[in-house]
PDB file of N, CA and C in Angstrom:
ATOM      1  N   LEU A   1     172.763 -51.803  87.879  1.00  0.00           N
ATOM      2  CA  LEU A   1     173.960 -51.064  87.500  1.00  0.00           C
ATOM      3  C   LEU A   1     173.532 -49.848  86.695  1.00  0.00           C
ATOM      4  N   GLU A   2     173.970 -48.709  87.108  1.00  0.00           N
ATOM      5  CA  GLU A   2     173.589 -47.469  86.443  1.00  0.00           C
ATOM      6  C   GLU A   2     174.777 -46.905  85.685  1.00  0.00           C
ATOM      7  N   GLY A   3     174.601 -46.654  84.402  1.00  0.00           N
ATOM      8  CA  GLY A   3     175.695 -46.182  83.569  1.00  0.00           C
ATOM      9  C   GLY A   3     175.966 -44.698  83.637  1.00  0.00           C
ATOM     10  N   PHE A   4     174.949 -43.894  83.965  1.00  0.00           N
ATOM     11  CA  PHE A   4     175.166 -42.446  83.983  1.00  0.00           C
ATOM     12  C   PHE A   4     175.764 -41.975  85.295  1.00  0.00           C
ATOM     13  N   GLY A   5     175.250 -42.411  86.385  1.00  0.00           N
ATOM     14  CA  GLY A   5     175.812 -42.036  87.675  1.00  0.00           C
ATOM     15  C   GLY A   5     174.971 -41.045  88.460  1.00  0.00           C
ATOM     16  N   MET A   6     173.645 -41.219  88.446  1.00  0.00           N
ATOM     17  CA  MET A   6     172.784 -40.308  89.211  1.00  0.00           C
ATOM     18  C   MET A   6     173.139 -40.319  90.691  1.00  0.00           C
ATOM     19  N   VAL A   7     173.461 -41.478  91.226  1.00  0.00           N
ATOM     20  CA  VAL A   7     173.801 -41.549  92.652  1.00  0.00           C
ATOM     21  C   VAL A   7     175.068 -40.732  92.926  1.00  0.00           C
ATOM     22  N   ILE A   8     175.960 -40.674  91.961  1.00  0.00           N
ATOM     23  CA  ILE A   8     177.165 -39.850  92.104  1.00  0.00           C
ATOM     24  C   ILE A   8     176.779 -38.379  92.152  1.00  0.00           C
ATOM     25  N   LEU A   9     175.911 -37.957  91.242  1.00  0.00           N
ATOM     26  CA  LEU A   9     175.473 -36.553  91.244  1.00  0.00           C
ATOM     27  C   LEU A   9     174.720 -36.208  92.524  1.00  0.00           C
ATOM     28  N   GLU A  10     173.906 -37.137  93.003  1.00  0.00           N
ATOM     29  CA  GLU A  10     173.175 -36.894  94.248  1.00  0.00           C
ATOM     30  C   GLU A  10     174.141 -36.713  95.411  1.00  0.00           C
ATOM     31  N   SER A  11     175.172 -37.522  95.458  1.00  0.00           N
ATOM     32  CA  SER A  11     176.174 -37.404  96.510  1.00  0.00           C
ATOM     33  C   SER A  11     176.921 -36.077  96.400  1.00  0.00           C
ATOM     34  N   LEU A  12     177.326 -35.727  95.183  1.00  0.00           N
ATOM     35  CA  LEU A  12     178.033 -34.455  94.977  1.00  0.00           C
ATOM     36  C   LEU A  12     177.144 -33.268  95.350  1.00  0.00           C
ATOM     37  N   ALA A  13     175.850 -33.364  95.055  1.00  0.00           N
ATOM     38  CA  ALA A  13     174.920 -32.289  95.404  1.00  0.00           C
ATOM     39  C   ALA A  13     174.846 -32.093  96.916  1.00  0.00           C
ATOM     40  N   CYS A  14     175.155 -33.137  97.672  1.00  0.00           N
ATOM     41  CA  CYS A  14     175.204 -33.046  99.134  1.00  0.00           C
ATOM     42  C   CYS A  14     176.580 -32.591  99.624  1.00  0.00           C
ATOM     43  N   GLY A  15     177.508 -32.379  98.677  1.00  0.00           N
ATOM     44  CA  GLY A  15     178.851 -31.948  99.048  1.00  0.00           C
ATOM     45  C   GLY A  15     179.757 -33.086  99.484  1.00  0.00           C
ATOM     46  N   THR A  16     179.428 -34.300  99.056  1.00  0.00           N
ATOM     47  CA  THR A  16     180.209 -35.475  99.439  1.00  0.00           C
ATOM     48  C   THR A  16     181.059 -35.947  98.267  1.00  0.00           C
ATOM     49  N   PRO A  17     182.381 -36.053  98.440  1.00  0.00           N
ATOM     50  CA  PRO A  17     183.214 -36.593  97.368  1.00  0.00           C
ATOM     51  C   PRO A  17     182.865 -38.055  97.106  1.00  0.00           C
ATOM     52  N   VAL A  18     183.105 -38.515  95.889  1.00  0.00           N
ATOM     53  CA  VAL A  18     182.689 -39.847  95.472  1.00  0.00           C
ATOM     54  C   VAL A  18     183.820 -40.540  94.728  1.00  0.00           C
ATOM     55  N   LEU A  19     183.936 -41.826  94.927  1.00  0.00           N
ATOM     56  CA  LEU A  19     184.818 -42.660  94.120  1.00  0.00           C
ATOM     57  C   LEU A  19     183.949 -43.456  93.155  1.00  0.00           C
ATOM     58  N   GLY A  20     184.448 -43.677  91.947  1.00  0.00           N
ATOM     59  CA  GLY A  20     183.699 -44.457  90.970  1.00  0.00           C
ATOM     60  C   GLY A  20     184.632 -45.204  90.036  1.00  0.00           C
ATOM     61  N   THR A  21     184.102 -46.232  89.415  1.00  0.00           N
ATOM     62  CA  THR A  21     184.890 -47.036  88.480  1.00  0.00           C
ATOM     63  C   THR A  21     184.722 -46.510  87.061  1.00  0.00           C
ATOM     64  N   ARG A  22     185.469 -47.077  86.141  1.00  0.00           N
ATOM     65  CA  ARG A  22     185.430 -46.674  84.735  1.00  0.00           C
ATOM     66  C   ARG A  22     184.290 -47.389  84.009  1.00  0.00           C
ATOM     67  N   ILE A  23     183.074 -47.071  84.410  1.00  0.00           N
ATOM     68  CA  ILE A  23     181.882 -47.666  83.796  1.00  0.00           C
ATOM     69  C   ILE A  23     180.959 -46.536  83.355  1.00  0.00           C
ATOM     70  N   GLY A  24     180.425 -46.641  82.145  1.00  0.00           N
ATOM     71  CA  GLY A  24     179.473 -45.661  81.641  1.00  0.00           C
ATOM     72  C   GLY A  24     180.033 -44.256  81.665  1.00  0.00           C
ATOM     73  N   ALA A  25     179.229 -43.308  82.109  1.00  0.00           N
ATOM     74  CA  ALA A  25     179.611 -41.894  82.142  1.00  0.00           C
ATOM     75  C   ALA A  25     180.324 -41.496  83.432  1.00  0.00           C
ATOM     76  N   ILE A  26     180.515 -42.445  84.328  1.00  0.00           N
ATOM     77  CA  ILE A  26     181.114 -42.145  85.629  1.00  0.00           C
ATOM     78  C   ILE A  26     182.485 -41.481  85.494  1.00  0.00           C
ATOM     79  N   PRO A  27     183.408 -42.009  84.687  1.00  0.00           N
ATOM     80  CA  PRO A  27     184.705 -41.330  84.587  1.00  0.00           C
ATOM     81  C   PRO A  27     184.599 -39.940  83.958  1.00  0.00           C
ATOM     82  N   GLU A  28     183.662 -39.777  83.033  1.00  0.00           N
ATOM     83  CA  GLU A  28     183.465 -38.460  82.419  1.00  0.00           C
ATOM     84  C   GLU A  28     183.004 -37.437  83.456  1.00  0.00           C
ATOM     85  N   LEU A  29     182.134 -37.853  84.351  1.00  0.00           N
ATOM     86  CA  LEU A  29     181.668 -36.960  85.425  1.00  0.00           C
ATOM     87  C   LEU A  29     182.800 -36.641  86.397  1.00  0.00           C
ATOM     88  N   LEU A  30     183.427 -37.684  86.930  1.00  0.00           N
ATOM     89  CA  LEU A  30     184.419 -37.489  87.983  1.00  0.00           C
ATOM     90  C   LEU A  30     185.688 -36.808  87.492  1.00  0.00           C
ATOM     91  N   SER A  31     186.068 -37.037  86.237  1.00  0.00           N
ATOM     92  CA  SER A  31     187.301 -36.423  85.727  1.00  0.00           C
ATOM     93  C   SER A  31     187.200 -34.901  85.663  1.00  0.00           C
ATOM     94  N   GLN A  32     185.995 -34.378  85.651  1.00  0.00           N
ATOM     95  CA  GLN A  32     185.807 -32.925  85.653  1.00  0.00           C
ATOM     96  C   GLN A  32     186.093 -32.328  87.028  1.00  0.00           C
ATOM     97  N   LEU A  33     186.143 -33.176  88.042  1.00  0.00           N
ATOM     98  CA  LEU A  33     186.386 -32.724  89.406  1.00  0.00           C
ATOM     99  C   LEU A  33     187.755 -33.151  89.929  1.00  0.00           C
ATOM    100  N   ASN A  34     188.040 -34.453  89.809  1.00  0.00           N
ATOM    101  CA  ASN A  34     189.299 -34.964  90.349  1.00  0.00           C
ATOM    102  C   ASN A  34     189.557 -36.363  89.786  1.00  0.00           C
ATOM    103  N   ASP A  35     190.597 -36.503  88.986  1.00  0.00           N
ATOM    104  CA  ASP A  35     190.922 -37.811  88.394  1.00  0.00           C
ATOM    105  C   ASP A  35     191.224 -38.871  89.449  1.00  0.00           C
ATOM    106  N   ASP A  36     191.660 -38.447  90.624  1.00  0.00           N
ATOM    107  CA  ASP A  36     191.962 -39.410  91.695  1.00  0.00           C
ATOM    108  C   ASP A  36     190.708 -40.117  92.207  1.00  0.00           C
ATOM    109  N   TRP A  37     189.547 -39.614  91.891  1.00  0.00           N
ATOM    110  CA  TRP A  37     188.302 -40.228  92.346  1.00  0.00           C
ATOM    111  C   TRP A  37     187.860 -41.375  91.442  1.00  0.00           C
ATOM    112  N   ILE A  38     188.601 -41.604  90.358  1.00  0.00           N
ATOM    113  CA  ILE A  38     188.270 -42.699  89.448  1.00  0.00           C
ATOM    114  C   ILE A  38     189.117 -43.921  89.827  1.00  0.00           C
ATOM    115  N   ILE A  39     188.444 -44.989  90.162  1.00  0.00           N
ATOM    116  CA  ILE A  39     189.120 -46.234  90.523  1.00  0.00           C
ATOM    117  C   ILE A  39     189.492 -46.949  89.228  1.00  0.00           C
ATOM    118  N   GLU A  40     190.761 -47.242  89.085  1.00  0.00           N
ATOM    119  CA  GLU A  40     191.250 -47.819  87.836  1.00  0.00           C
ATOM    120  C   GLU A  40     190.780 -49.251  87.607  1.00  0.00           C
ATOM    121  N   ARG A  41     190.799 -50.051  88.633  1.00  0.00           N
ATOM    122  CA  ARG A  41     190.411 -51.458  88.502  1.00  0.00           C
ATOM    123  C   ARG A  41     189.404 -51.798  89.598  1.00  0.00           C
ATOM    124  N   SER A  42     188.543 -52.740  89.324  1.00  0.00           N
ATOM    125  CA  SER A  42     187.508 -53.121  90.294  1.00  0.00           C
ATOM    126  C   SER A  42     188.004 -54.139  91.313  1.00  0.00           C
ATOM    127  N   GLU A  43     189.304 -54.277  91.427  1.00  0.00           N
ATOM    128  CA  GLU A  43     189.878 -55.209  92.394  1.00  0.00           C
ATOM    129  C   GLU A  43     189.890 -54.574  93.787  1.00  0.00           C
ATOM    130  N   ARG A  44     189.787 -55.416  94.786  1.00  0.00           N
ATOM    131  CA  ARG A  44     189.739 -54.955  96.173  1.00  0.00           C
ATOM    132  C   ARG A  44     190.931 -54.053  96.512  1.00  0.00           C
ATOM    133  N   SER A  45     192.119 -54.433  96.074  1.00  0.00           N
ATOM    134  CA  SER A  45     193.316 -53.645  96.401  1.00  0.00           C
ATOM    135  C   SER A  45     193.280 -52.265  95.746  1.00  0.00           C
ATOM    136  N   SER A  46     192.760 -52.183  94.535  1.00  0.00           N
ATOM    137  CA  SER A  46     192.664 -50.907  93.838  1.00  0.00           C
ATOM    138  C   SER A  46     191.637 -49.987  94.511  1.00  0.00           C
ATOM    139  N   ILE A  47     190.528 -50.568  94.927  1.00  0.00           N
ATOM    140  CA  ILE A  47     189.499 -49.793  95.632  1.00  0.00           C
ATOM    141  C   ILE A  47     190.051 -49.282  96.960  1.00  0.00           C
ATOM    142  N   ALA A  48     190.733 -50.157  97.697  1.00  0.00           N
ATOM    143  CA  ALA A  48     191.313 -49.768  98.996  1.00  0.00           C
ATOM    144  C   ALA A  48     192.339 -48.657  98.816  1.00  0.00           C
ATOM    145  N   GLU A  49     193.188 -48.776  97.803  1.00  0.00           N
ATOM    146  CA  GLU A  49     194.205 -47.749  97.548  1.00  0.00           C
ATOM    147  C   GLU A  49     193.552 -46.416  97.193  1.00  0.00           C
ATOM    148  N   SER A  50     192.494 -46.448  96.409  1.00  0.00           N
ATOM    149  CA  SER A  50     191.784 -45.215  96.048  1.00  0.00           C
ATOM    150  C   SER A  50     191.168 -44.551  97.277  1.00  0.00           C
ATOM    151  N   ILE A  51     190.605 -45.357  98.149  1.00  0.00           N
ATOM    152  CA  ILE A  51     190.009 -44.814  99.380  1.00  0.00           C
ATOM    153  C   ILE A  51     191.095 -44.174 100.239  1.00  0.00           C
ATOM    154  N   ARG A  52     192.215 -44.856 100.410  1.00  0.00           N
ATOM    155  CA  ARG A  52     193.319 -44.289 101.207  1.00  0.00           C
ATOM    156  C   ARG A  52     193.811 -42.967 100.604  1.00  0.00           C
ATOM    157  N   ARG A  53     193.964 -42.939  99.288  1.00  0.00           N
ATOM    158  CA  ARG A  53     194.463 -41.745  98.601  1.00  0.00           C
ATOM    159  C   ARG A  53     193.510 -40.560  98.796  1.00  0.00           C
ATOM    160  N   VAL A  54     192.222 -40.805  98.657  1.00  0.00           N
ATOM    161  CA  VAL A  54     191.240 -39.720  98.801  1.00  0.00           C
ATOM    162  C   VAL A  54     191.160 -39.241 100.250  1.00  0.00           C
ATOM    163  N   LEU A  55     191.220 -40.162 101.204  1.00  0.00           N
ATOM    164  CA  LEU A  55     191.161 -39.764 102.613  1.00  0.00           C
ATOM    165  C   LEU A  55     192.399 -38.967 103.035  1.00  0.00           C
ATOM    166  N   ALA A  56     193.526 -39.210 102.386  1.00  0.00           N
ATOM    167  CA  ALA A  56     194.752 -38.491 102.720  1.00  0.00           C
ATOM    168  C   ALA A  56     194.826 -37.118 102.032  1.00  0.00           C
ATOM    169  N   ALA A  57     194.017 -36.917 101.023  1.00  0.00           N
ATOM    170  CA  ALA A  57     194.045 -35.663 100.257  1.00  0.00           C
ATOM    171  C   ALA A  57     193.306 -34.561 101.017  1.00  0.00           C
ATOM    172  N   PRO A  58     193.593 -33.304 100.673  1.00  0.00           N
ATOM    173  CA  PRO A  58     192.844 -32.204 101.293  1.00  0.00           C
ATOM    174  C   PRO A  58     191.349 -32.319 100.987  1.00  0.00           C
ATOM    175  N   THR A  59     190.539 -31.829 101.890  1.00  0.00           N
ATOM    176  CA  THR A  59     189.085 -31.848 101.698  1.00  0.00           C
ATOM    177  C   THR A  59     188.724 -31.004 100.485  1.00  0.00           C
ATOM    178  N   PRO A  60     187.913 -31.552  99.581  1.00  0.00           N
ATOM    179  CA  PRO A  60     187.528 -30.777  98.403  1.00  0.00           C
ATOM    180  C   PRO A  60     186.592 -29.631  98.768  1.00  0.00           C
ATOM    181  N   ASP A  61     186.505 -28.668  97.874  1.00  0.00           N
ATOM    182  CA  ASP A  61     185.598 -27.529  98.048  1.00  0.00           C
ATOM    183  C   ASP A  61     184.159 -28.042  97.897  1.00  0.00           C
ATOM    184  N   LEU A  62     183.437 -28.119  99.007  1.00  0.00           N
ATOM    185  CA  LEU A  62     182.101 -28.708  98.995  1.00  0.00           C
ATOM    186  C   LEU A  62     181.125 -27.902  98.150  1.00  0.00           C
ATOM    187  N   ASP A  63     181.265 -26.585  98.147  1.00  0.00           N
ATOM    188  CA  ASP A  63     180.384 -25.761  97.310  1.00  0.00           C
ATOM    189  C   ASP A  63     180.639 -26.030  95.829  1.00  0.00           C
ATOM    190  N   ARG A  64     181.894 -26.266  95.474  1.00  0.00           N
ATOM    191  CA  ARG A  64     182.212 -26.591  94.079  1.00  0.00           C
ATOM    192  C   ARG A  64     181.550 -27.900  93.674  1.00  0.00           C
ATOM    193  N   LEU A  65     181.539 -28.888  94.575  1.00  0.00           N
ATOM    194  CA  LEU A  65     180.881 -30.160  94.284  1.00  0.00           C
ATOM    195  C   LEU A  65     179.392 -29.950  94.060  1.00  0.00           C
ATOM    196  N   ARG A  66     178.786 -29.151  94.921  1.00  0.00           N
ATOM    197  CA  ARG A  66     177.346 -28.877  94.789  1.00  0.00           C
ATOM    198  C   ARG A  66     177.037 -28.158  93.478  1.00  0.00           C
ATOM    199  N   GLN A  67     177.826 -27.143  93.161  1.00  0.00           N
ATOM    200  CA  GLN A  67     177.600 -26.388  91.932  1.00  0.00           C
ATOM    201  C   GLN A  67     177.767 -27.271  90.699  1.00  0.00           C
ATOM    202  N   PHE A  68     178.743 -28.148  90.734  1.00  0.00           N
ATOM    203  CA  PHE A  68     178.939 -29.073  89.621  1.00  0.00           C
ATOM    204  C   PHE A  68     177.687 -29.929  89.417  1.00  0.00           C
ATOM    205  N   ALA A  69     177.160 -30.481  90.489  1.00  0.00           N
ATOM    206  CA  ALA A  69     175.988 -31.355  90.396  1.00  0.00           C
ATOM    207  C   ALA A  69     174.752 -30.597  89.923  1.00  0.00           C
ATOM    208  N   LEU A  70     174.637 -29.319  90.290  1.00  0.00           N
ATOM    209  CA  LEU A  70     173.449 -28.544  89.923  1.00  0.00           C
ATOM    210  C   LEU A  70     173.303 -28.341  88.425  1.00  0.00           C
ATOM    211  N   GLN A  71     174.387 -28.429  87.678  1.00  0.00           N
ATOM    212  CA  GLN A  71     174.260 -28.268  86.231  1.00  0.00           C
ATOM    213  C   GLN A  71     173.499 -29.434  85.594  1.00  0.00           C
ATOM    214  N   PHE A  72     173.283 -30.510  86.363  1.00  0.00           N
ATOM    215  CA  PHE A  72     172.534 -31.660  85.886  1.00  0.00           C
ATOM    216  C   PHE A  72     171.117 -31.701  86.465  1.00  0.00           C
ATOM    217  N   ASP A  73     170.695 -30.615  87.094  1.00  0.00           N
ATOM    218  CA  ASP A  73     169.342 -30.491  87.630  1.00  0.00           C
ATOM    219  C   ASP A  73     168.331 -30.669  86.494  1.00  0.00           C
ATOM    220  N   TRP A  74     167.223 -31.348  86.778  1.00  0.00           N
ATOM    221  CA  TRP A  74     166.238 -31.621  85.721  1.00  0.00           C
ATOM    222  C   TRP A  74     165.686 -30.352  85.103  1.00  0.00           C
ATOM    223  N   HIS A  75     165.515 -29.300  85.892  1.00  0.00           N
ATOM    224  CA  HIS A  75     165.021 -28.037  85.321  1.00  0.00           C
ATOM    225  C   HIS A  75     166.046 -27.461  84.351  1.00  0.00           C
ATOM    226  N   GLU A  76     167.311 -27.562  84.718  1.00  0.00           N
ATOM    227  CA  GLU A  76     168.390 -27.080  83.843  1.00  0.00           C
ATOM    228  C   GLU A  76     168.448 -27.902  82.555  1.00  0.00           C
ATOM    229  N   ILE A  77     168.430 -29.216  82.694  1.00  0.00           N
ATOM    230  CA  ILE A  77     168.488 -30.099  81.529  1.00  0.00           C
ATOM    231  C   ILE A  77     167.248 -29.904  80.651  1.00  0.00           C
ATOM    232  N   GLY A  78     166.079 -29.811  81.284  1.00  0.00           N
ATOM    233  CA  GLY A  78     164.842 -29.591  80.527  1.00  0.00           C
ATOM    234  C   GLY A  78     164.898 -28.299  79.732  1.00  0.00           C
ATOM    235  N   GLY A  79     165.450 -27.250  80.336  1.00  0.00           N
ATOM    236  CA  GLY A  79     165.600 -25.970  79.637  1.00  0.00           C
ATOM    237  C   GLY A  79     166.534 -26.088  78.448  1.00  0.00           C
ATOM    238  N   ARG A  80     167.584 -26.847  78.597  1.00  0.00           N
ATOM    239  CA  ARG A  80     168.522 -27.048  77.478  1.00  0.00           C
ATOM    240  C   ARG A  80     167.844 -27.789  76.335  1.00  0.00           C
ATOM    241  N   TYR A  81     167.070 -28.826  76.671  1.00  0.00           N
ATOM    242  CA  TYR A  81     166.343 -29.550  75.623  1.00  0.00           C
ATOM    243  C   TYR A  81     165.334 -28.632  74.937  1.00  0.00           C
ATOM    244  N   TYR A  82     164.625 -27.836  75.706  1.00  0.00           N
ATOM    245  CA  TYR A  82     163.653 -26.909  75.134  1.00  0.00           C
ATOM    246  C   TYR A  82     164.339 -25.964  74.145  1.00  0.00           C
ATOM    247  N   ASP A  83     165.465 -25.398  74.550  1.00  0.00           N
ATOM    248  CA  ASP A  83     166.210 -24.500  73.665  1.00  0.00           C
ATOM    249  C   ASP A  83     166.664 -25.215  72.396  1.00  0.00           C
ATOM    250  N   LEU A  84     167.156 -26.429  72.543  1.00  0.00           N
ATOM    251  CA  LEU A  84     167.608 -27.203  71.396  1.00  0.00           C
ATOM    252  C   LEU A  84     166.461 -27.478  70.428  1.00  0.00           C
ATOM    253  N   PHE A  85     165.344 -27.960  70.956  1.00  0.00           N
ATOM    254  CA  PHE A  85     164.210 -28.275  70.089  1.00  0.00           C
ATOM    255  C   PHE A  85     163.669 -27.020  69.415  1.00  0.00           C
ATOM    256  N   THR A  86     163.658 -25.902  70.131  1.00  0.00           N
ATOM    257  CA  THR A  86     163.195 -24.642  69.546  1.00  0.00           C
ATOM    258  C   THR A  86     164.089 -24.242  68.374  1.00  0.00           C
ATOM    259  N   ARG A  87     165.415 -24.342  68.563  1.00  0.00           N
ATOM    260  CA  ARG A  87     166.341 -23.998  67.471  1.00  0.00           C
ATOM    261  C   ARG A  87     166.141 -24.917  66.268  1.00  0.00           C
ATOM    262  N   VAL A  88     165.966 -26.214  66.520  1.00  0.00           N
ATOM    263  CA  VAL A  88     165.774 -27.170  65.428  1.00  0.00           C
ATOM    264  C   VAL A  88     164.502 -26.840  64.656  1.00  0.00           C
ATOM    265  N   LEU A  89     163.427 -26.557  65.357  1.00  0.00           N
ATOM    266  CA  LEU A  89     162.167 -26.224  64.689  1.00  0.00           C
ATOM    267  C   LEU A  89     162.272 -24.912  63.908  1.00  0.00           C
ATOM    268  N   GLU A  90     162.948 -23.921  64.470  1.00  0.00           N
ATOM    269  CA  GLU A  90     163.122 -22.651  63.763  1.00  0.00           C
ATOM    270  C   GLU A  90     163.944 -22.847  62.497  1.00  0.00           C
ATOM    271  N   GLU A  91     165.003 -23.644  62.564  1.00  0.00           N
ATOM    272  CA  GLU A  91     165.827 -23.921  61.386  1.00  0.00           C
ATOM    273  C   GLU A  91     165.022 -24.685  60.344  1.00  0.00           C
ATOM    274  N   ASP A  92     164.179 -25.613  60.790  1.00  0.00           N
ATOM    275  CA  ASP A  92     163.346 -26.373  59.877  1.00  0.00           C
ATOM    276  C   ASP A  92     162.354 -25.458  59.165  1.00  0.00           C
ATOM    277  N   GLN A  93     161.763 -24.514  59.908  1.00  0.00           N
ATOM    278  CA  GLN A  93     160.822 -23.566  59.301  1.00  0.00           C
ATOM    279  C   GLN A  93     161.530 -22.692  58.273  1.00  0.00           C
ATOM    280  N   ARG A  94     162.734 -22.214  58.587  1.00  0.00           N
ATOM    281  CA  ARG A  94     163.490 -21.403  57.631  1.00  0.00           C
ATOM    282  C   ARG A  94     163.803 -22.213  56.385  1.00  0.00           C
ATOM    283  N   SER A  95     164.127 -23.470  56.570  1.00  0.00           N
ATOM    284  CA  SER A  95     164.428 -24.355  55.444  1.00  0.00           C
ATOM    285  C   SER A  95     163.192 -24.537  54.567  1.00  0.00           C
ATOM    286  N   ASP A  96     162.032 -24.751  55.205  1.00  0.00           N
ATOM    287  CA  ASP A  96     160.778 -24.900  54.452  1.00  0.00           C
ATOM    288  C   ASP A  96     160.474 -23.635  53.663  1.00  0.00           C
ATOM    289  N   LEU A  97     160.659 -22.470  54.285  1.00  0.00           N
ATOM    290  CA  LEU A  97     160.370 -21.202  53.604  1.00  0.00           C
ATOM    291  C   LEU A  97     161.306 -20.988  52.416  1.00  0.00           C
ATOM    292  N   SER A  98     162.567 -21.374  52.575  1.00  0.00           N
ATOM    293  CA  SER A  98     163.513 -21.189  51.466  1.00  0.00           C
ATOM    294  C   SER A  98     163.171 -22.125  50.299  1.00  0.00           C
ATOM    295  N   ARG A  99     162.660 -23.307  50.594  1.00  0.00           N
ATOM    296  CA  ARG A  99     162.245 -24.226  49.512  1.00  0.00           C
ATOM    297  C   ARG A  99     161.022 -23.694  48.788  1.00  0.00           C
ATOM    298  N   ILE A 100     160.098 -23.085  49.517  1.00  0.00           N
ATOM    299  CA  ILE A 100     158.873 -22.546  48.912  1.00  0.00           C
ATOM    300  C   ILE A 100     159.226 -21.343  48.032  1.00  0.00           C
ATOM    301  N   ALA A 101     160.185 -20.559  48.469  1.00  0.00           N
ATOM    302  CA  ALA A 101     160.572 -19.336  47.743  1.00  0.00           C
ATOM    303  C   ALA A 101     161.264 -19.664  46.420  1.00  0.00           C
ATOM    304  N   ARG A 102     161.776 -20.850  46.271  1.00  0.00           N
ATOM    305  CA  ARG A 102     162.497 -21.209  45.025  1.00  0.00           C
ATOM    306  C   ARG A 102     161.571 -21.394  43.915  1.00  0.00           C
TER     307      ARG A 102
END
């Protein structure tokens, strides 16, 4: 069982809409695209109703799905972490310098 939903992002990166349950980060991911893709209950009838609802809906913008998934690309995420760590280290250095100056 995966709490983040990498398989969901992989599917979206292929331009495929996805249904998911309210487990881990799955609803947080899917709610940014379409709340109807979140299955409310893990019961067979709820899953079937969600599938029927999505199949009856207009086809989603496949490029939008791909673009959404790309923001979670490892190069993108790695760059964000690098920027964060750089800012933290720079702030720490400024803090050290201000303590020395006192």
